[in-house]
Amino acid sequence: MGQLEMLQWVLFPVILISLVLSVVFSYKSRRSSDGRKRGINAARMNISMGIMMMFISFIQLFMSNESTLKVVIGAIFLVVGLFNLFAGLRNLSAYRATERG
């Protein structure tokens, strides 16, 4: 088994799990009537989406075969994924701070 195949077997489950978590937290966020719970679930959804986009970008960057377009798309996904991750972490800490008092 080559390194690229091993990388696919490692990255694909992470992408799948973060996709499922994004859908679950999105559903919980939209169904919640409590504003604080809605915000916490939306923050968790952003974190999950950020992780998913980062790992998709890793696939694009590592399996690009030096294609410029794939590298550019991978870099864009990485930046958007990092933004989602940090925004979700910031929002989650803000909602948790209001929970404590």
PDB file of N, CA and C in Angstrom:
ATOM      1  N   MET A   1       0.860  -1.182   0.000  1.00  0.00           N
ATOM      2  CA  MET A   1       0.000   0.000   0.000  1.00  0.00           C
ATOM      3  C   MET A   1       0.900   1.238   0.000  1.00  0.00           C
ATOM      4  N   GLY A   2       0.656   2.136  -0.943  1.00  0.00           N
ATOM      5  CA  GLY A   2       1.459   3.339  -1.063  1.00  0.00           C
ATOM      6  C   GLY A   2       1.085   4.387  -0.031  1.00  0.00           C
ATOM      7  N   GLN A   3       1.926   5.395   0.048  1.00  0.00           N
ATOM      8  CA  GLN A   3       1.680   6.466   1.025  1.00  0.00           C
ATOM      9  C   GLN A   3       0.419   7.248   0.708  1.00  0.00           C
ATOM     10  N   LEU A   4       0.137   7.452  -0.576  1.00  0.00           N
ATOM     11  CA  LEU A   4      -1.065   8.195  -0.942  1.00  0.00           C
ATOM     12  C   LEU A   4      -2.332   7.416  -0.601  1.00  0.00           C
ATOM     13  N   GLU A   5      -2.297   6.113  -0.801  1.00  0.00           N
ATOM     14  CA  GLU A   5      -3.464   5.297  -0.442  1.00  0.00           C
ATOM     15  C   GLU A   5      -3.680   5.307   1.065  1.00  0.00           C
ATOM     16  N   MET A   6      -2.591   5.227   1.823  1.00  0.00           N
ATOM     17  CA  MET A   6      -2.685   5.263   3.279  1.00  0.00           C
ATOM     18  C   MET A   6      -3.236   6.620   3.732  1.00  0.00           C
ATOM     19  N   LEU A   7      -2.788   7.676   3.082  1.00  0.00           N
ATOM     20  CA  LEU A   7      -3.277   9.014   3.412  1.00  0.00           C
ATOM     21  C   LEU A   7      -4.770   9.127   3.151  1.00  0.00           C
ATOM     22  N   GLN A   8      -5.238   8.535   2.054  1.00  0.00           N
ATOM     23  CA  GLN A   8      -6.670   8.547   1.765  1.00  0.00           C
ATOM     24  C   GLN A   8      -7.447   7.795   2.833  1.00  0.00           C
ATOM     25  N   TRP A   9      -6.937   6.666   3.297  1.00  0.00           N
ATOM     26  CA  TRP A   9      -7.629   5.876   4.315  1.00  0.00           C
ATOM     27  C   TRP A   9      -7.656   6.586   5.658  1.00  0.00           C
ATOM     28  N   VAL A  10      -6.727   7.494   5.882  1.00  0.00           N
ATOM     29  CA  VAL A  10      -6.720   8.255   7.135  1.00  0.00           C
ATOM     30  C   VAL A  10      -7.619   9.481   7.020  1.00  0.00           C
ATOM     31  N   LEU A  11      -7.545  10.186   5.902  1.00  0.00           N
ATOM     32  CA  LEU A  11      -8.272  11.450   5.752  1.00  0.00           C
ATOM     33  C   LEU A  11      -9.763  11.246   5.493  1.00  0.00           C
ATOM     34  N   PHE A  12     -10.124  10.228   4.726  1.00  0.00           N
ATOM     35  CA  PHE A  12     -11.522  10.042   4.360  1.00  0.00           C
ATOM     36  C   PHE A  12     -12.448   9.839   5.560  1.00  0.00           C
ATOM     37  N   PRO A  13     -12.106   8.995   6.549  1.00  0.00           N
ATOM     38  CA  PRO A  13     -13.001   8.856   7.707  1.00  0.00           C
ATOM     39  C   PRO A  13     -13.163  10.151   8.505  1.00  0.00           C
ATOM     40  N   VAL A  14     -12.104  10.940   8.595  1.00  0.00           N
ATOM     41  CA  VAL A  14     -12.211  12.214   9.307  1.00  0.00           C
ATOM     42  C   VAL A  14     -13.175  13.140   8.590  1.00  0.00           C
ATOM     43  N   ILE A  15     -13.095  13.174   7.269  1.00  0.00           N
ATOM     44  CA  ILE A  15     -14.008  14.009   6.484  1.00  0.00           C
ATOM     45  C   ILE A  15     -15.442  13.524   6.665  1.00  0.00           C
ATOM     46  N   LEU A  16     -15.648  12.223   6.625  1.00  0.00           N
ATOM     47  CA  LEU A  16     -16.992  11.660   6.768  1.00  0.00           C
ATOM     48  C   LEU A  16     -17.575  11.941   8.155  1.00  0.00           C
ATOM     49  N   ILE A  17     -16.778  11.759   9.198  1.00  0.00           N
ATOM     50  CA  ILE A  17     -17.251  12.006  10.563  1.00  0.00           C
ATOM     51  C   ILE A  17     -17.574  13.484  10.755  1.00  0.00           C
ATOM     52  N   SER A  18     -16.707  14.369  10.269  1.00  0.00           N
ATOM     53  CA  SER A  18     -16.974  15.802  10.437  1.00  0.00           C
ATOM     54  C   SER A  18     -18.182  16.238   9.608  1.00  0.00           C
ATOM     55  N   LEU A  19     -18.423  15.592   8.466  1.00  0.00           N
ATOM     56  CA  LEU A  19     -19.624  15.883   7.676  1.00  0.00           C
ATOM     57  C   LEU A  19     -20.877  15.515   8.448  1.00  0.00           C
ATOM     58  N   VAL A  20     -20.885  14.325   9.038  1.00  0.00           N
ATOM     59  CA  VAL A  20     -22.042  13.882   9.820  1.00  0.00           C
ATOM     60  C   VAL A  20     -22.262  14.819  11.020  1.00  0.00           C
ATOM     61  N   LEU A  21     -21.181  15.184  11.703  1.00  0.00           N
ATOM     62  CA  LEU A  21     -21.321  16.094  12.846  1.00  0.00           C
ATOM     63  C   LEU A  21     -21.845  17.463  12.411  1.00  0.00           C
ATOM     64  N   SER A  22     -21.403  17.943  11.262  1.00  0.00           N
ATOM     65  CA  SER A  22     -21.902  19.231  10.754  1.00  0.00           C
ATOM     66  C   SER A  22     -23.400  19.179  10.525  1.00  0.00           C
ATOM     67  N   VAL A  23     -23.878  18.094   9.932  1.00  0.00           N
ATOM     68  CA  VAL A  23     -25.307  17.953   9.664  1.00  0.00           C
ATOM     69  C   VAL A  23     -26.089  17.857  10.980  1.00  0.00           C
ATOM     70  N   VAL A  24     -25.578  17.075  11.925  1.00  0.00           N
ATOM     71  CA  VAL A  24     -26.267  16.909  13.213  1.00  0.00           C
ATOM     72  C   VAL A  24     -26.352  18.235  13.964  1.00  0.00           C
ATOM     73  N   PHE A  25     -25.234  18.958  14.046  1.00  0.00           N
ATOM     74  CA  PHE A  25     -25.250  20.227  14.771  1.00  0.00           C
ATOM     75  C   PHE A  25     -26.081  21.284  14.042  1.00  0.00           C
ATOM     76  N   SER A  26     -26.096  21.245  12.715  1.00  0.00           N
ATOM     77  CA  SER A  26     -26.934  22.170  11.962  1.00  0.00           C
ATOM     78  C   SER A  26     -28.406  21.907  12.256  1.00  0.00           C
ATOM     79  N   TYR A  27     -28.781  20.648  12.266  1.00  0.00           N
ATOM     80  CA  TYR A  27     -30.168  20.279  12.569  1.00  0.00           C
ATOM     81  C   TYR A  27     -30.545  20.715  13.983  1.00  0.00           C
ATOM     82  N   LYS A  28     -29.668  20.433  14.954  1.00  0.00           N
ATOM     83  CA  LYS A  28     -29.948  20.817  16.337  1.00  0.00           C
ATOM     84  C   LYS A  28     -30.046  22.337  16.474  1.00  0.00           C
ATOM     85  N   SER A  29     -29.190  23.045  15.764  1.00  0.00           N
ATOM     86  CA  SER A  29     -29.191  24.508  15.840  1.00  0.00           C
ATOM     87  C   SER A  29     -30.486  25.081  15.278  1.00  0.00           C
ATOM     88  N   ARG A  30     -30.945  24.548  14.189  1.00  0.00           N
ATOM     89  CA  ARG A  30     -32.163  25.064  13.554  1.00  0.00           C
ATOM     90  C   ARG A  30     -33.427  24.687  14.316  1.00  0.00           C
ATOM     91  N   ARG A  31     -33.396  23.582  15.038  1.00  0.00           N
ATOM     92  CA  ARG A  31     -34.579  23.113  15.767  1.00  0.00           C
ATOM     93  C   ARG A  31     -34.681  23.677  17.185  1.00  0.00           C
ATOM     94  N   SER A  32     -33.617  24.238  17.691  1.00  0.00           N
ATOM     95  CA  SER A  32     -33.599  24.710  19.077  1.00  0.00           C
ATOM     96  C   SER A  32     -34.348  26.031  19.210  1.00  0.00           C
ATOM     97  N   SER A  33     -35.129  26.136  20.276  1.00  0.00           N
ATOM     98  CA  SER A  33     -35.835  27.394  20.535  1.00  0.00           C
ATOM     99  C   SER A  33     -35.042  28.280  21.490  1.00  0.00           C
ATOM    100  N   ASP A  34     -34.107  27.696  22.232  1.00  0.00           N
ATOM    101  CA  ASP A  34     -33.258  28.456  23.157  1.00  0.00           C
ATOM    102  C   ASP A  34     -32.106  29.080  22.369  1.00  0.00           C
ATOM    103  N   GLY A  35     -31.937  30.371  22.494  1.00  0.00           N
ATOM    104  CA  GLY A  35     -30.910  31.091  21.744  1.00  0.00           C
ATOM    105  C   GLY A  35     -29.501  30.661  22.075  1.00  0.00           C
ATOM    106  N   ARG A  36     -29.242  30.375  23.347  1.00  0.00           N
ATOM    107  CA  ARG A  36     -27.902  29.962  23.755  1.00  0.00           C
ATOM    108  C   ARG A  36     -27.556  28.594  23.182  1.00  0.00           C
ATOM    109  N   LYS A  37     -28.498  27.650  23.254  1.00  0.00           N
ATOM    110  CA  LYS A  37     -28.259  26.316  22.685  1.00  0.00           C
ATOM    111  C   LYS A  37     -28.103  26.392  21.170  1.00  0.00           C
ATOM    112  N   ARG A  38     -28.883  27.266  20.552  1.00  0.00           N
ATOM    113  CA  ARG A  38     -28.772  27.453  19.110  1.00  0.00           C
ATOM    114  C   ARG A  38     -27.377  27.953  18.749  1.00  0.00           C
ATOM    115  N   GLY A  39     -26.880  28.906  19.527  1.00  0.00           N
ATOM    116  CA  GLY A  39     -25.546  29.439  19.271  1.00  0.00           C
ATOM    117  C   GLY A  39     -24.448  28.425  19.504  1.00  0.00           C
ATOM    118  N   ILE A  40     -24.573  27.630  20.561  1.00  0.00           N
ATOM    119  CA  ILE A  40     -23.567  26.595  20.839  1.00  0.00           C
ATOM    120  C   ILE A  40     -23.544  25.563  19.717  1.00  0.00           C
ATOM    121  N   ASN A  41     -24.717  25.128  19.273  1.00  0.00           N
ATOM    122  CA  ASN A  41     -24.761  24.146  18.189  1.00  0.00           C
ATOM    123  C   ASN A  41     -24.269  24.728  16.865  1.00  0.00           C
ATOM    124  N   ALA A  42     -24.545  25.990  16.617  1.00  0.00           N
ATOM    125  CA  ALA A  42     -24.035  26.633  15.399  1.00  0.00           C
ATOM    126  C   ALA A  42     -22.515  26.746  15.456  1.00  0.00           C
ATOM    127  N   ALA A  43     -21.970  27.032  16.640  1.00  0.00           N
ATOM    128  CA  ALA A  43     -20.516  27.095  16.794  1.00  0.00           C
ATOM    129  C   ALA A  43     -19.894  25.718  16.573  1.00  0.00           C
ATOM    130  N   ARG A  44     -20.523  24.686  17.120  1.00  0.00           N
ATOM    131  CA  ARG A  44     -20.024  23.323  16.909  1.00  0.00           C
ATOM    132  C   ARG A  44     -20.105  22.931  15.438  1.00  0.00           C
ATOM    133  N   MET A  45     -21.151  23.382  14.752  1.00  0.00           N
ATOM    134  CA  MET A  45     -21.277  23.123  13.324  1.00  0.00           C
ATOM    135  C   MET A  45     -20.129  23.798  12.573  1.00  0.00           C
ATOM    136  N   ASN A  46     -19.804  25.045  12.937  1.00  0.00           N
ATOM    137  CA  ASN A  46     -18.691  25.743  12.288  1.00  0.00           C
ATOM    138  C   ASN A  46     -17.369  25.025  12.517  1.00  0.00           C
ATOM    139  N   ILE A  47     -17.170  24.529  13.727  1.00  0.00           N
ATOM    140  CA  ILE A  47     -15.943  23.792  14.030  1.00  0.00           C
ATOM    141  C   ILE A  47     -15.866  22.534  13.174  1.00  0.00           C
ATOM    142  N   SER A  48     -16.957  21.804  13.090  1.00  0.00           N
ATOM    143  CA  SER A  48     -16.986  20.571  12.293  1.00  0.00           C
ATOM    144  C   SER A  48     -16.758  20.871  10.814  1.00  0.00           C
ATOM    145  N   MET A  49     -17.390  21.916  10.319  1.00  0.00           N
ATOM    146  CA  MET A  49     -17.207  22.278   8.914  1.00  0.00           C
ATOM    147  C   MET A  49     -15.781  22.731   8.648  1.00  0.00           C
ATOM    148  N   GLY A  50     -15.202  23.462   9.596  1.00  0.00           N
ATOM    149  CA  GLY A  50     -13.814  23.892   9.440  1.00  0.00           C
ATOM    150  C   GLY A  50     -12.864  22.717   9.354  1.00  0.00           C
ATOM    151  N   ILE A  51     -13.057  21.733  10.228  1.00  0.00           N
ATOM    152  CA  ILE A  51     -12.211  20.533  10.198  1.00  0.00           C
ATOM    153  C   ILE A  51     -12.402  19.789   8.882  1.00  0.00           C
ATOM    154  N   MET A  52     -13.650  19.666   8.454  1.00  0.00           N
ATOM    155  CA  MET A  52     -13.932  18.976   7.201  1.00  0.00           C
ATOM    156  C   MET A  52     -13.248  19.673   6.026  1.00  0.00           C
ATOM    157  N   MET A  53     -13.361  20.976   5.956  1.00  0.00           N
ATOM    158  CA  MET A  53     -12.769  21.718   4.837  1.00  0.00           C
ATOM    159  C   MET A  53     -11.245  21.657   4.879  1.00  0.00           C
ATOM    160  N   MET A  54     -10.676  21.667   6.074  1.00  0.00           N
ATOM    161  CA  MET A  54      -9.220  21.555   6.177  1.00  0.00           C
ATOM    162  C   MET A  54      -8.737  20.206   5.657  1.00  0.00           C
ATOM    163  N   PHE A  55      -9.435  19.136   6.006  1.00  0.00           N
ATOM    164  CA  PHE A  55      -9.006  17.819   5.544  1.00  0.00           C
ATOM    165  C   PHE A  55      -9.265  17.633   4.054  1.00  0.00           C
ATOM    166  N   ILE A  56     -10.316  18.245   3.526  1.00  0.00           N
ATOM    167  CA  ILE A  56     -10.512  18.226   2.070  1.00  0.00           C
ATOM    168  C   ILE A  56      -9.363  18.959   1.387  1.00  0.00           C
ATOM    169  N   SER A  57      -8.936  20.063   1.983  1.00  0.00           N
ATOM    170  CA  SER A  57      -7.809  20.801   1.398  1.00  0.00           C
ATOM    171  C   SER A  57      -6.528  19.977   1.457  1.00  0.00           C
ATOM    172  N   PHE A  58      -6.350  19.196   2.531  1.00  0.00           N
ATOM    173  CA  PHE A  58      -5.155  18.348   2.606  1.00  0.00           C
ATOM    174  C   PHE A  58      -5.140  17.337   1.465  1.00  0.00           C
ATOM    175  N   ILE A  59      -6.299  16.777   1.157  1.00  0.00           N
ATOM    176  CA  ILE A  59      -6.373  15.836   0.027  1.00  0.00           C
ATOM    177  C   ILE A  59      -6.009  16.554  -1.269  1.00  0.00           C
ATOM    178  N   GLN A  60      -6.551  17.751  -1.456  1.00  0.00           N
ATOM    179  CA  GLN A  60      -6.241  18.506  -2.676  1.00  0.00           C
ATOM    180  C   GLN A  60      -4.758  18.850  -2.750  1.00  0.00           C
ATOM    181  N   LEU A  61      -4.172  19.225  -1.631  1.00  0.00           N
ATOM    182  CA  LEU A  61      -2.775  19.658  -1.648  1.00  0.00           C
ATOM    183  C   LEU A  61      -1.811  18.481  -1.790  1.00  0.00           C
ATOM    184  N   PHE A  62      -2.095  17.374  -1.108  1.00  0.00           N
ATOM    185  CA  PHE A  62      -1.162  16.253  -1.134  1.00  0.00           C
ATOM    186  C   PHE A  62      -1.316  15.374  -2.365  1.00  0.00           C
ATOM    187  N   MET A  63      -2.472  15.378  -2.982  1.00  0.00           N
ATOM    188  CA  MET A  63      -2.698  14.522  -4.143  1.00  0.00           C
ATOM    189  C   MET A  63      -2.861  15.328  -5.419  1.00  0.00           C
ATOM    190  N   SER A  64      -2.208  16.454  -5.475  1.00  0.00           N
ATOM    191  CA  SER A  64      -2.396  17.356  -6.604  1.00  0.00           C
ATOM    192  C   SER A  64      -1.560  16.986  -7.815  1.00  0.00           C
ATOM    193  N   ASN A  65      -0.508  16.199  -7.620  1.00  0.00           N
ATOM    194  CA  ASN A  65       0.426  15.902  -8.710  1.00  0.00           C
ATOM    195  C   ASN A  65       0.923  17.186  -9.363  1.00  0.00           C
ATOM    196  N   GLU A  66       1.119  18.172  -8.523  1.00  0.00           N
ATOM    197  CA  GLU A  66       1.667  19.458  -8.932  1.00  0.00           C
ATOM    198  C   GLU A  66       0.781  20.220  -9.904  1.00  0.00           C
ATOM    199  N   SER A  67      -0.520  19.993  -9.829  1.00  0.00           N
ATOM    200  CA  SER A  67      -1.466  20.753 -10.627  1.00  0.00           C
ATOM    201  C   SER A  67      -1.722  22.087  -9.924  1.00  0.00           C
ATOM    202  N   THR A  68      -1.498  23.172 -10.612  1.00  0.00           N
ATOM    203  CA  THR A  68      -1.628  24.495 -10.011  1.00  0.00           C
ATOM    204  C   THR A  68      -3.055  24.768  -9.569  1.00  0.00           C
ATOM    205  N   LEU A  69      -4.030  24.372 -10.369  1.00  0.00           N
ATOM    206  CA  LEU A  69      -5.427  24.617 -10.035  1.00  0.00           C
ATOM    207  C   LEU A  69      -5.822  23.890  -8.751  1.00  0.00           C
ATOM    208  N   LYS A  70      -5.402  22.633  -8.609  1.00  0.00           N
ATOM    209  CA  LYS A  70      -5.729  21.879  -7.397  1.00  0.00           C
ATOM    210  C   LYS A  70      -5.054  22.475  -6.171  1.00  0.00           C
ATOM    211  N   VAL A  71      -3.847  22.969  -6.324  1.00  0.00           N
ATOM    212  CA  VAL A  71      -3.149  23.605  -5.200  1.00  0.00           C
ATOM    213  C   VAL A  71      -3.869  24.880  -4.787  1.00  0.00           C
ATOM    214  N   VAL A  72      -4.303  25.667  -5.753  1.00  0.00           N
ATOM    215  CA  VAL A  72      -5.032  26.904  -5.448  1.00  0.00           C
ATOM    216  C   VAL A  72      -6.356  26.589  -4.765  1.00  0.00           C
ATOM    217  N   ILE A  73      -7.095  25.619  -5.276  1.00  0.00           N
ATOM    218  CA  ILE A  73      -8.367  25.230  -4.660  1.00  0.00           C
ATOM    219  C   ILE A  73      -8.130  24.692  -3.256  1.00  0.00           C
ATOM    220  N   GLY A  74      -7.082  23.883  -3.082  1.00  0.00           N
ATOM    221  CA  GLY A  74      -6.745  23.375  -1.759  1.00  0.00           C
ATOM    222  C   GLY A  74      -6.397  24.491  -0.791  1.00  0.00           C
ATOM    223  N   ALA A  75      -5.667  25.482  -1.258  1.00  0.00           N
ATOM    224  CA  ALA A  75      -5.305  26.609  -0.396  1.00  0.00           C
ATOM    225  C   ALA A  75      -6.542  27.417   0.001  1.00  0.00           C
ATOM    226  N   ILE A  76      -7.465  27.600  -0.922  1.00  0.00           N
ATOM    227  CA  ILE A  76      -8.699  28.326  -0.604  1.00  0.00           C
ATOM    228  C   ILE A  76      -9.515  27.559   0.432  1.00  0.00           C
ATOM    229  N   PHE A  77      -9.638  26.248   0.247  1.00  0.00           N
ATOM    230  CA  PHE A  77     -10.370  25.431   1.221  1.00  0.00           C
ATOM    231  C   PHE A  77      -9.699  25.480   2.589  1.00  0.00           C
ATOM    232  N   LEU A  78      -8.368  25.494   2.601  1.00  0.00           N
ATOM    233  CA  LEU A  78      -7.645  25.549   3.868  1.00  0.00           C
ATOM    234  C   LEU A  78      -7.915  26.854   4.601  1.00  0.00           C
ATOM    235  N   VAL A  79      -7.883  27.967   3.882  1.00  0.00           N
ATOM    236  CA  VAL A  79      -8.132  29.271   4.506  1.00  0.00           C
ATOM    237  C   VAL A  79      -9.567  29.361   5.019  1.00  0.00           C
ATOM    238  N   VAL A  80     -10.529  28.932   4.220  1.00  0.00           N
ATOM    239  CA  VAL A  80     -11.930  28.977   4.646  1.00  0.00           C
ATOM    240  C   VAL A  80     -12.158  28.023   5.815  1.00  0.00           C
ATOM    241  N   GLY A  81     -11.534  26.855   5.780  1.00  0.00           N
ATOM    242  CA  GLY A  81     -11.653  25.900   6.876  1.00  0.00           C
ATOM    243  C   GLY A  81     -11.077  26.443   8.170  1.00  0.00           C
ATOM    244  N   LEU A  82      -9.913  27.075   8.092  1.00  0.00           N
ATOM    245  CA  LEU A  82      -9.312  27.681   9.287  1.00  0.00           C
ATOM    246  C   LEU A  82     -10.186  28.804   9.831  1.00  0.00           C
ATOM    247  N   PHE A  83     -10.750  29.608   8.922  1.00  0.00           N
ATOM    248  CA  PHE A  83     -11.649  30.678   9.366  1.00  0.00           C
ATOM    249  C   PHE A  83     -12.853  30.105  10.098  1.00  0.00           C
ATOM    250  N   ASN A  84     -13.480  29.063   9.535  1.00  0.00           N
ATOM    251  CA  ASN A  84     -14.629  28.425  10.188  1.00  0.00           C
ATOM    252  C   ASN A  84     -14.245  27.841  11.538  1.00  0.00           C
ATOM    253  N   LEU A  85     -13.094  27.189  11.599  1.00  0.00           N
ATOM    254  CA  LEU A  85     -12.645  26.586  12.845  1.00  0.00           C
ATOM    255  C   LEU A  85     -12.451  27.642  13.927  1.00  0.00           C
ATOM    256  N   PHE A  86     -11.734  28.707  13.610  1.00  0.00           N
ATOM    257  CA  PHE A  86     -11.474  29.730  14.620  1.00  0.00           C
ATOM    258  C   PHE A  86     -12.730  30.517  14.987  1.00  0.00           C
ATOM    259  N   ALA A  87     -13.600  30.766  14.009  1.00  0.00           N
ATOM    260  CA  ALA A  87     -14.860  31.457  14.316  1.00  0.00           C
ATOM    261  C   ALA A  87     -15.734  30.587  15.208  1.00  0.00           C
ATOM    262  N   GLY A  88     -15.777  29.291  14.927  1.00  0.00           N
ATOM    263  CA  GLY A  88     -16.556  28.383  15.763  1.00  0.00           C
ATOM    264  C   GLY A  88     -16.010  28.296  17.173  1.00  0.00           C
ATOM    265  N   LEU A  89     -14.686  28.219  17.304  1.00  0.00           N
ATOM    266  CA  LEU A  89     -14.078  28.173  18.643  1.00  0.00           C
ATOM    267  C   LEU A  89     -14.335  29.461  19.410  1.00  0.00           C
ATOM    268  N   ARG A  90     -14.231  30.595  18.729  1.00  0.00           N
ATOM    269  CA  ARG A  90     -14.485  31.887  19.379  1.00  0.00           C
ATOM    270  C   ARG A  90     -15.942  31.981  19.834  1.00  0.00           C
ATOM    271  N   ASN A  91     -16.867  31.606  18.964  1.00  0.00           N
ATOM    272  CA  ASN A  91     -18.288  31.673  19.322  1.00  0.00           C
ATOM    273  C   ASN A  91     -18.636  30.690  20.430  1.00  0.00           C
ATOM    274  N   LEU A  92     -18.049  29.499  20.384  1.00  0.00           N
ATOM    275  CA  LEU A  92     -18.308  28.514  21.426  1.00  0.00           C
ATOM    276  C   LEU A  92     -17.823  29.012  22.779  1.00  0.00           C
ATOM    277  N   SER A  93     -16.644  29.624  22.814  1.00  0.00           N
ATOM    278  CA  SER A  93     -16.145  30.141  24.091  1.00  0.00           C
ATOM    279  C   SER A  93     -16.996  31.309  24.574  1.00  0.00           C
ATOM    280  N   ALA A  94     -17.521  32.117  23.655  1.00  0.00           N
ATOM    281  CA  ALA A  94     -18.387  33.232  24.058  1.00  0.00           C
ATOM    282  C   ALA A  94     -19.701  32.722  24.639  1.00  0.00           C
ATOM    283  N   TYR A  95     -20.295  31.714  24.011  1.00  0.00           N
ATOM    284  CA  TYR A  95     -21.564  31.168  24.530  1.00  0.00           C
ATOM    285  C   TYR A  95     -21.345  30.418  25.836  1.00  0.00           C
ATOM    286  N   ARG A  96     -20.217  29.768  25.975  1.00  0.00           N
ATOM    287  CA  ARG A  96     -19.939  29.074  27.231  1.00  0.00           C
ATOM    288  C   ARG A  96     -19.656  30.055  28.355  1.00  0.00           C
ATOM    289  N   ALA A  97     -19.069  31.203  28.039  1.00  0.00           N
ATOM    290  CA  ALA A  97     -18.818  32.228  29.055  1.00  0.00           C
ATOM    291  C   ALA A  97     -20.130  32.806  29.577  1.00  0.00           C
ATOM    292  N   THR A  98     -21.116  32.971  28.694  1.00  0.00           N
ATOM    293  CA  THR A  98     -22.428  33.475  29.147  1.00  0.00           C
ATOM    294  C   THR A  98     -23.161  32.426  29.952  1.00  0.00           C
ATOM    295  N   GLU A  99     -22.813  31.163  29.733  1.00  0.00           N
ATOM    296  CA  GLU A  99     -23.440  30.077  30.477  1.00  0.00           C
ATOM    297  C   GLU A  99     -22.981  30.099  31.926  1.00  0.00           C
ATOM    298  N   ARG A 100     -21.736  30.446  32.161  1.00  0.00           N
ATOM    299  CA  ARG A 100     -21.168  30.450  33.520  1.00  0.00           C
ATOM    300  C   ARG A 100     -21.604  31.659  34.328  1.00  0.00           C
ATOM    301  N   GLY A 101     -21.986  32.681  33.643  1.00  0.00           N
ATOM    302  CA  GLY A 101     -22.458  33.830  34.412  1.00  0.00           C
ATOM    303  C   GLY A 101     -21.888  35.052  33.919  1.00  0.00           C
TER     304      GLY A 101
END
